[in-house]
Amino acid sequence: MENPRAVQLPIYAKITFILISIALLWIFLVQMSGMLIPICFSLLFALLLHPLCVRLETWRVPRVLAITLCLILLVIVVVGILMGIVVQLTDFADILPDLQKKFLKLFNDAQIWVRTEFGVRKKEQADWLEKNAQMLTDSSGQIVGNLLSVVSNAFTNLGLVPVYIFFLLYYRNFLRKFLDRLFSSASETHILYILIKVRDVVRNYLVGLVFVMSIIATLNTLGLLILGIQHALFFGILAALLNVIPYIGIVIGSILPILMAILTKDSLWYAVGVSAVFTVVQFLEGNFITPRIVGSKVSVNSLATVIALIMGGLLWGAPGMILAIPFTAMFKVIFDNIPGMEAWGFLLGEVPEEHLKVQTVIVEAVEAVKEEVEEIVEDVKEVVAPDPKKDTK
């Protein structure tokens, strides 16, 4: 029976409360980003390492030792990737003098072109460059200071990630009991089912992402090798690693090989070829590779993905864009299994094929009806006002 004392708020009051709540949540997430970003990454890695940790524990390995072995494996993989990038970067030292000469030649050709096309003398161009260089020098101190601050904070947060992973894996049973008490209205089996689904979605997404990055690195490297671009392996792997930021990472990763083609090749067509290689790889990745390998495991539609990426970028920058898709997939699983929230899970998910078939049938029916109506209209016009040109007599 409905409570007669319950106060029904008008719709504008409800909307106002919702908007205020969203604004407060947004402010909280921005202010606490330094702590929340490492925790979010740690949660993803903990979910990824959880099956391995459980397997080691079933082999009678103590939990602390099992978690330590998982962390050592993770550190070895990350350090191996970083060392590979560092080794490739050190190789650039051998070609820096040649790149400098090529850059100076291109710069001189650009000055001549500007003077020919726009009538700006070299002296005026030099004065403009000197003025802007002085402005850049004046602000370089602040830029370097901010960069050092960002780098130091990043390394500090990176150092906290293994600590968070350790405690998340060590206290996983305790945290599950906490969720059971927090959502006491739901059965323990239902909560465990949701946690397993979330774990599987995140694990499948991360494993699929690594597989996709391997394919992209191979395709990029082969394309650059065919064009004869130096350090093709490094550029191919770097672009694949940056692809973890959807839509934007591949663009950033293509800039360096394009510049390398401009500086080391005699024709600009090589730069065009590099751009074509990355465009084709991006097309294949977006339309065939990722949908088949990752899309079926995440089941988040493109609109929700784009909105999540934009919000993640506005909220936490590049880390937010990296976290956007897996956490959107996690929220979809949670919404699908909470009574009253199924509609939001449906909104985040892919459009079912039966809906697409129904839409196709409806469109075809509408087109058929439209053609029938047009024929009827033409017949009515012919009866009401016949065309004299059609009269034979």
Protein backbone atom coordinates (compact mmCIF):
# COMPACT_ATOMS: atom_id res chain seq x y z
CA MET A 1 0.00 0.00 0.00
CA GLU A 2 1.33 3.43 -0.96
CA ASN A 3 2.44 5.65 1.91
CA PRO A 4 0.06 8.66 2.07
CA ARG A 5 2.80 10.80 3.63
CA ALA A 6 5.20 10.23 0.75
CA VAL A 7 6.07 13.50 -0.96
CA GLN A 8 6.00 13.43 -4.74
CA LEU A 9 8.54 15.90 -6.10
CA PRO A 10 7.78 17.69 -9.38
CA ILE A 11 9.78 16.61 -12.39
CA TYR A 12 11.92 19.77 -12.48
CA ALA A 13 12.97 19.18 -8.85
CA LYS A 14 14.00 15.61 -9.64
CA ILE A 15 16.00 16.74 -12.68
CA THR A 16 17.66 19.46 -10.57
CA PHE A 17 18.69 16.96 -7.90
CA ILE A 18 20.06 14.59 -10.54
CA LEU A 19 22.11 17.35 -12.20
CA ILE A 20 23.47 18.53 -8.83
CA SER A 21 24.42 14.96 -7.94
CA ILE A 22 26.21 14.50 -11.29
CA ALA A 23 28.07 17.80 -10.83
CA LEU A 24 29.18 16.86 -7.30
CA LEU A 25 30.28 13.42 -8.50
CA TRP A 26 32.25 15.02 -11.36
CA ILE A 27 34.00 17.43 -8.96
CA PHE A 28 34.83 14.55 -6.63
CA LEU A 29 36.31 12.46 -9.45
CA VAL A 30 38.42 15.39 -10.69
CA GLN A 31 39.71 16.31 -7.24
CA MET A 32 40.50 12.70 -6.31
CA SER A 33 42.04 11.76 -9.67
CA GLY A 34 45.52 11.36 -8.16
CA MET A 35 44.26 8.53 -5.98
CA LEU A 36 41.49 7.07 -8.15
CA ILE A 37 43.48 6.63 -11.39
CA PRO A 38 46.06 4.24 -9.85
CA ILE A 39 43.28 2.35 -8.06
CA CYS A 40 41.33 1.93 -11.32
CA PHE A 41 44.39 0.61 -13.18
CA SER A 42 45.19 -1.63 -10.23
CA LEU A 43 41.66 -3.04 -10.31
CA LEU A 44 42.02 -3.93 -14.00
CA PHE A 45 45.38 -5.62 -13.47
CA ALA A 46 44.10 -7.41 -10.37
CA LEU A 47 41.17 -8.82 -12.37
CA LEU A 48 43.61 -9.88 -15.09
CA LEU A 49 45.98 -11.61 -12.63
CA HIS A 50 43.22 -13.15 -10.50
CA PRO A 51 42.92 -16.47 -12.45
CA LEU A 52 46.68 -17.00 -12.32
CA CYS A 53 46.76 -16.22 -8.61
CA VAL A 54 43.91 -18.66 -7.94
CA ARG A 55 45.64 -21.36 -10.01
CA LEU A 56 48.84 -20.96 -7.98
CA GLU A 57 46.87 -21.17 -4.75
CA THR A 58 45.23 -24.42 -5.90
CA TRP A 59 48.78 -25.79 -6.23
CA ARG A 60 49.19 -25.12 -2.47
CA VAL A 61 51.27 -21.97 -3.01
CA PRO A 62 50.66 -19.52 -0.12
CA ARG A 63 48.55 -16.54 -1.11
CA VAL A 64 51.26 -13.97 -0.38
CA LEU A 65 53.80 -15.87 -2.47
CA ALA A 66 51.28 -16.42 -5.28
CA ILE A 67 50.47 -12.71 -5.46
CA THR A 68 54.17 -11.84 -5.36
CA LEU A 69 54.90 -14.19 -8.28
CA CYS A 70 52.04 -12.61 -10.28
CA LEU A 71 53.41 -9.13 -9.61
CA ILE A 72 56.93 -10.21 -10.61
CA LEU A 73 55.55 -11.55 -13.90
CA LEU A 74 53.68 -8.28 -14.51
CA VAL A 75 56.78 -6.19 -13.76
CA ILE A 76 58.91 -8.33 -16.09
CA VAL A 77 56.46 -7.82 -18.96
CA VAL A 78 56.20 -4.04 -18.40
CA VAL A 79 59.96 -3.59 -17.98
CA GLY A 80 60.59 -5.68 -21.10
CA ILE A 81 58.32 -3.43 -23.16
CA LEU A 82 59.94 -0.28 -21.75
CA MET A 83 63.46 -1.61 -22.35
CA GLY A 84 62.59 -2.41 -25.95
CA ILE A 85 61.38 1.16 -26.46
CA VAL A 86 64.51 2.59 -24.79
CA VAL A 87 66.81 0.46 -26.96
CA GLN A 88 65.06 1.65 -30.08
CA LEU A 89 65.26 5.26 -28.94
CA THR A 90 69.01 5.02 -28.37
CA ASP A 91 69.44 3.93 -31.98
CA PHE A 92 68.22 7.35 -33.08
CA ALA A 93 71.47 8.86 -31.78
CA ASP A 94 73.31 7.36 -34.76
CA ILE A 95 71.18 9.11 -37.34
CA LEU A 96 70.67 12.45 -35.57
CA PRO A 97 73.42 14.27 -37.57
CA ASP A 98 71.92 13.14 -40.88
CA LEU A 99 68.44 14.11 -39.70
CA GLN A 100 69.73 17.53 -38.68
CA LYS A 101 71.26 18.15 -42.12
CA LYS A 102 68.08 17.02 -43.83
CA PHE A 103 65.98 19.23 -41.58
CA LEU A 104 68.13 22.28 -42.31
CA LYS A 105 67.82 21.63 -46.04
CA LEU A 106 64.04 21.31 -45.80
CA PHE A 107 63.90 24.45 -43.66
CA ASN A 108 65.89 26.41 -46.26
CA ASP A 109 63.64 25.12 -49.05
CA ALA A 110 60.59 26.18 -47.02
CA GLN A 111 62.02 29.69 -46.57
CA ILE A 112 62.61 29.98 -50.32
CA TRP A 113 59.05 28.78 -51.02
CA VAL A 114 57.56 31.33 -48.58
CA ARG A 115 59.63 34.11 -50.15
CA THR A 116 58.55 33.08 -53.66
CA GLU A 117 54.87 32.55 -52.93
CA PHE A 118 54.19 35.29 -50.34
CA GLY A 119 57.04 37.74 -50.86
CA VAL A 120 58.30 37.47 -47.27
CA ARG A 121 62.06 37.91 -47.15
CA LYS A 122 64.32 35.58 -45.22
CA LYS A 123 65.26 38.40 -42.84
CA GLU A 124 61.62 38.93 -41.90
CA GLN A 125 61.09 35.19 -41.48
CA ALA A 126 64.17 34.97 -39.26
CA ASP A 127 62.96 37.91 -37.14
CA TRP A 128 59.55 36.27 -36.70
CA LEU A 129 61.12 32.94 -35.73
CA GLU A 130 63.50 34.66 -33.30
CA LYS A 131 60.61 36.49 -31.65
CA ASN A 132 58.58 33.31 -31.19
CA ALA A 133 61.66 31.41 -30.03
CA GLN A 134 62.21 34.05 -27.35
CA MET A 135 58.61 33.72 -26.21
CA LEU A 136 59.04 29.95 -26.08
CA THR A 137 62.24 30.34 -24.07
CA ASP A 138 60.54 32.64 -21.57
CA SER A 139 57.79 30.11 -20.97
CA SER A 140 60.04 27.04 -21.17
CA GLY A 141 60.83 27.18 -17.47
CA GLN A 142 57.20 26.85 -16.53
CA ILE A 143 56.66 24.16 -19.17
CA VAL A 144 59.63 22.12 -17.92
CA GLY A 145 58.48 22.55 -14.32
CA ASN A 146 54.98 21.33 -15.14
CA LEU A 147 56.40 18.43 -17.17
CA LEU A 148 58.66 17.35 -14.30
CA SER A 149 55.74 17.58 -11.91
CA VAL A 150 53.57 15.42 -14.17
CA VAL A 151 56.36 12.87 -14.65
CA SER A 152 57.11 12.69 -10.92
CA ASN A 153 53.42 12.23 -10.10
CA ALA A 154 53.13 9.56 -12.78
CA PHE A 155 56.06 7.59 -11.37
CA THR A 156 54.71 8.00 -7.84
CA ASN A 157 51.32 6.68 -8.90
CA LEU A 158 53.00 3.90 -10.90
CA GLY A 159 54.81 2.83 -7.76
CA LEU A 160 51.50 2.58 -5.91
CA VAL A 161 49.89 0.32 -8.52
CA PRO A 162 51.68 -2.90 -7.39
CA VAL A 163 50.75 -2.12 -3.77
CA TYR A 164 47.09 -1.70 -4.69
CA ILE A 165 47.15 -4.87 -6.81
CA PHE A 166 48.65 -6.84 -3.91
CA PHE A 167 46.00 -5.76 -1.42
CA LEU A 168 43.12 -6.17 -3.90
CA LEU A 169 44.17 -9.77 -4.52
CA TYR A 170 45.00 -10.48 -0.88
CA TYR A 171 41.71 -9.13 0.52
CA ARG A 172 39.49 -10.31 -2.36
CA ASN A 173 37.37 -12.58 -0.12
CA PHE A 174 37.03 -9.82 2.44
CA LEU A 175 35.93 -7.34 -0.24
CA ARG A 176 33.36 -9.84 -1.55
CA LYS A 177 31.93 -10.21 1.96
CA PHE A 178 31.74 -6.41 2.14
CA LEU A 179 29.69 -6.35 -1.06
CA ASP A 180 27.41 -9.05 0.36
CA ARG A 181 26.75 -6.88 3.41
CA LEU A 182 26.43 -3.70 1.36
CA PHE A 183 23.83 -5.25 -0.96
CA SER A 184 22.10 -7.41 1.61
CA SER A 185 18.86 -7.41 -0.37
CA ALA A 186 20.54 -9.39 -3.16
CA SER A 187 21.52 -13.02 -2.74
CA GLU A 188 25.15 -13.95 -2.28
CA THR A 189 25.00 -16.11 -5.38
CA HIS A 190 23.74 -13.22 -7.50
CA ILE A 191 26.54 -10.91 -6.30
CA LEU A 192 29.12 -13.62 -6.99
CA TYR A 193 27.67 -14.07 -10.48
CA ILE A 194 28.01 -10.34 -11.19
CA LEU A 195 31.61 -10.32 -9.94
CA ILE A 196 32.49 -13.29 -12.14
CA LYS A 197 30.89 -11.62 -15.17
CA VAL A 198 32.79 -8.38 -14.52
CA ARG A 199 36.04 -10.30 -14.12
CA ASP A 200 35.47 -12.23 -17.36
CA VAL A 201 34.58 -9.08 -19.32
CA VAL A 202 37.67 -7.20 -18.15
CA ARG A 203 39.97 -10.18 -18.64
CA ASN A 204 38.64 -10.92 -22.13
CA TYR A 205 38.90 -7.25 -23.05
CA LEU A 206 42.53 -6.96 -21.91
CA VAL A 207 43.57 -10.23 -23.53
CA GLY A 208 41.79 -9.28 -26.73
CA LEU A 209 43.39 -5.84 -26.63
CA VAL A 210 46.87 -7.38 -26.40
CA PHE A 211 46.05 -9.65 -29.35
CA VAL A 212 44.77 -6.69 -31.38
CA MET A 213 47.87 -4.65 -30.55
CA SER A 214 50.07 -7.53 -31.73
CA ILE A 215 48.24 -7.70 -35.06
CA ILE A 216 48.41 -3.91 -35.51
CA ALA A 217 52.13 -3.86 -34.68
CA THR A 218 52.76 -6.57 -37.27
CA LEU A 219 50.75 -4.81 -40.00
CA ASN A 220 52.32 -1.41 -39.28
CA THR A 221 55.83 -2.87 -39.29
CA LEU A 222 55.29 -4.74 -42.56
CA GLY A 223 53.91 -1.62 -44.24
CA LEU A 224 56.82 0.53 -43.08
CA LEU A 225 59.37 -2.13 -44.09
CA ILE A 226 57.89 -2.27 -47.59
CA LEU A 227 58.31 1.52 -47.85
CA GLY A 228 61.86 1.28 -46.52
CA ILE A 229 61.28 3.48 -43.45
CA GLN A 230 64.06 3.27 -40.88
CA HIS A 231 63.23 1.83 -37.44
CA ALA A 232 60.03 0.32 -38.82
CA LEU A 233 59.75 -2.14 -35.93
CA PHE A 234 59.90 0.62 -33.33
CA PHE A 235 57.32 2.77 -35.08
CA GLY A 236 55.02 -0.19 -35.63
CA ILE A 237 55.13 -1.26 -31.97
CA LEU A 238 54.81 2.33 -30.71
CA ALA A 239 51.70 2.94 -32.81
CA ALA A 240 50.22 -0.34 -31.58
CA LEU A 241 50.86 0.61 -27.95
CA LEU A 242 49.29 4.03 -28.49
CA ASN A 243 46.28 2.30 -30.01
CA VAL A 244 45.19 1.60 -26.43
CA ILE A 245 43.73 5.13 -26.73
CA PRO A 246 41.00 4.46 -29.32
CA TYR A 247 40.68 6.69 -32.40
CA ILE A 248 43.40 9.12 -31.23
CA GLY A 249 46.34 6.85 -30.44
CA ILE A 250 46.81 5.67 -34.03
CA VAL A 251 46.92 9.31 -35.21
CA ILE A 252 49.60 10.20 -32.67
CA GLY A 253 51.55 7.05 -33.52
CA SER A 254 51.61 7.90 -37.24
CA ILE A 255 53.18 11.34 -36.79
CA LEU A 256 56.72 10.14 -36.01
CA PRO A 257 57.06 7.75 -38.99
CA ILE A 258 55.64 10.41 -41.30
CA LEU A 259 58.28 12.88 -40.05
CA MET A 260 60.94 10.20 -40.47
CA ALA A 261 59.84 9.63 -44.06
CA ILE A 262 60.00 13.36 -44.77
CA LEU A 263 63.49 13.70 -43.27
CA THR A 264 65.09 10.56 -44.67
CA LYS A 265 63.47 10.17 -48.08
CA ASP A 266 63.89 12.31 -51.19
CA SER A 267 60.22 12.28 -52.11
CA LEU A 268 57.15 13.31 -50.15
CA TRP A 269 55.32 10.34 -51.63
CA TYR A 270 56.94 8.18 -48.96
CA ALA A 271 55.20 10.27 -46.29
CA VAL A 272 51.96 9.86 -48.21
CA GLY A 273 52.62 6.12 -48.32
CA VAL A 274 53.17 5.99 -44.55
CA SER A 275 49.93 7.87 -44.02
CA ALA A 276 48.16 5.42 -46.34
CA VAL A 277 49.58 2.43 -44.42
CA PHE A 278 48.30 3.73 -41.09
CA THR A 279 44.95 4.67 -42.62
CA VAL A 280 44.45 1.16 -44.03
CA VAL A 281 45.52 -0.45 -40.76
CA GLN A 282 43.17 1.82 -38.83
CA PHE A 283 40.32 0.90 -41.20
CA LEU A 284 41.01 -2.81 -40.76
CA GLU A 285 41.34 -2.43 -37.00
CA GLY A 286 38.14 -0.46 -36.58
CA ASN A 287 35.95 -2.49 -38.92
CA PHE A 288 37.26 -6.05 -38.78
CA ILE A 289 39.97 -6.77 -36.19
CA THR A 290 38.66 -5.11 -33.03
CA PRO A 291 34.95 -5.89 -33.59
CA ARG A 292 35.71 -9.60 -34.08
CA ILE A 293 38.29 -10.00 -31.32
CA VAL A 294 37.29 -7.45 -28.66
CA GLY A 295 33.82 -6.23 -29.63
CA SER A 296 32.09 -9.56 -29.08
CA LYS A 297 33.55 -9.76 -25.57
CA VAL A 298 32.75 -6.19 -24.50
CA SER A 299 29.43 -5.70 -26.33
CA VAL A 300 29.37 -1.91 -25.98
CA ASN A 301 27.91 0.02 -28.89
CA SER A 302 29.89 2.66 -30.79
CA LEU A 303 27.87 5.62 -29.50
CA ALA A 304 28.44 4.64 -25.88
CA THR A 305 32.14 4.09 -26.64
CA VAL A 306 32.60 7.55 -28.16
CA ILE A 307 30.73 9.27 -25.33
CA ALA A 308 32.74 7.31 -22.74
CA LEU A 309 36.02 8.29 -24.46
CA ILE A 310 35.06 11.97 -24.52
CA MET A 311 34.00 11.96 -20.88
CA GLY A 312 37.10 10.01 -19.85
CA GLY A 313 39.33 12.48 -21.68
CA LEU A 314 37.62 15.49 -20.13
CA LEU A 315 37.76 13.90 -16.69
CA TRP A 316 41.25 12.36 -16.45
CA GLY A 317 42.92 13.03 -19.80
CA ALA A 318 44.74 10.16 -21.53
CA PRO A 319 44.39 7.77 -18.52
CA GLY A 320 40.65 8.44 -18.55
CA MET A 321 40.42 7.52 -22.23
CA ILE A 322 42.32 4.29 -21.59
CA LEU A 323 40.01 3.37 -18.70
CA ALA A 324 36.81 4.45 -20.47
CA ILE A 325 36.00 1.30 -22.45
CA PRO A 326 36.72 -1.40 -19.83
CA PHE A 327 34.85 0.48 -17.12
CA THR A 328 31.92 1.12 -19.47
CA ALA A 329 31.82 -2.62 -20.10
CA MET A 330 31.90 -3.24 -16.34
CA PHE A 331 29.02 -0.83 -15.78
CA LYS A 332 27.04 -2.54 -18.54
CA VAL A 333 27.41 -5.92 -16.80
CA ILE A 334 26.37 -4.38 -13.48
CA PHE A 335 23.35 -2.60 -14.98
CA ASP A 336 22.23 -5.77 -16.78
CA ASN A 337 22.05 -7.63 -13.46
CA ILE A 338 20.50 -4.98 -11.18
CA PRO A 339 16.68 -4.79 -11.13
CA GLY A 340 15.50 -1.44 -12.42
CA MET A 341 18.79 -0.70 -14.23
CA GLU A 342 18.36 -3.07 -17.17
CA ALA A 343 17.37 -0.23 -19.48
CA TRP A 344 20.75 1.47 -18.95
CA GLY A 345 22.55 -1.78 -19.69
CA PHE A 346 20.49 -2.13 -22.86
CA LEU A 347 21.40 1.46 -23.82
CA LEU A 348 25.13 0.73 -23.49
CA GLY A 349 24.98 -2.60 -25.32
CA GLU A 350 25.04 -3.49 -28.97
CA VAL A 351 21.82 -3.28 -30.96
CA PRO A 352 20.43 -6.85 -31.17
CA GLU A 353 20.26 -8.34 -34.65
CA GLU A 354 16.54 -8.99 -34.32
CA HIS A 355 16.01 -5.24 -33.81
CA LEU A 356 18.02 -4.53 -36.93
CA LYS A 357 15.95 -7.09 -38.85
CA VAL A 358 12.72 -5.53 -37.58
CA GLN A 359 13.98 -2.10 -38.61
CA THR A 360 14.85 -3.43 -42.07
CA VAL A 361 11.42 -4.98 -42.48
CA ILE A 362 9.76 -1.75 -41.35
CA VAL A 363 11.81 0.33 -43.79
CA GLU A 364 11.00 -2.02 -46.66
CA ALA A 365 7.30 -1.95 -45.75
CA VAL A 366 7.32 1.84 -45.58
CA GLU A 367 9.01 2.04 -48.99
CA ALA A 368 6.45 -0.35 -50.48
CA VAL A 369 3.55 1.64 -49.02
CA LYS A 370 5.16 4.85 -50.28
CA GLU A 371 5.33 3.46 -53.82
CA GLU A 372 1.69 2.32 -53.63
CA VAL A 373 0.57 5.74 -52.42
CA GLU A 374 2.49 7.46 -55.21
CA GLU A 375 0.83 5.23 -57.80
CA ILE A 376 -2.62 5.94 -56.32
CA VAL A 377 -1.92 9.69 -56.33
CA GLU A 378 -0.88 9.52 -59.98
CA ASP A 379 -4.08 7.61 -60.86
CA VAL A 380 -6.22 10.17 -59.01
CA LYS A 381 -4.47 13.03 -60.82
CA GLU A 382 -5.08 11.30 -64.11
CA VAL A 383 -8.79 10.97 -63.37
CA VAL A 384 -9.27 14.46 -61.97
CA ALA A 385 -7.07 16.36 -64.42
CA PRO A 386 -6.04 14.16 -67.37
CA ASP A 387 -2.99 15.15 -69.34
CA PRO A 388 -4.12 16.41 -72.81
CA LYS A 389 -0.83 15.28 -74.36
CA LYS A 390 -1.79 11.66 -73.65
CA ASP A 391 -5.09 12.02 -75.59
CA THR A 392 -4.80 10.33 -78.96
CA LYS A 393 -7.84 12.06 -80.32
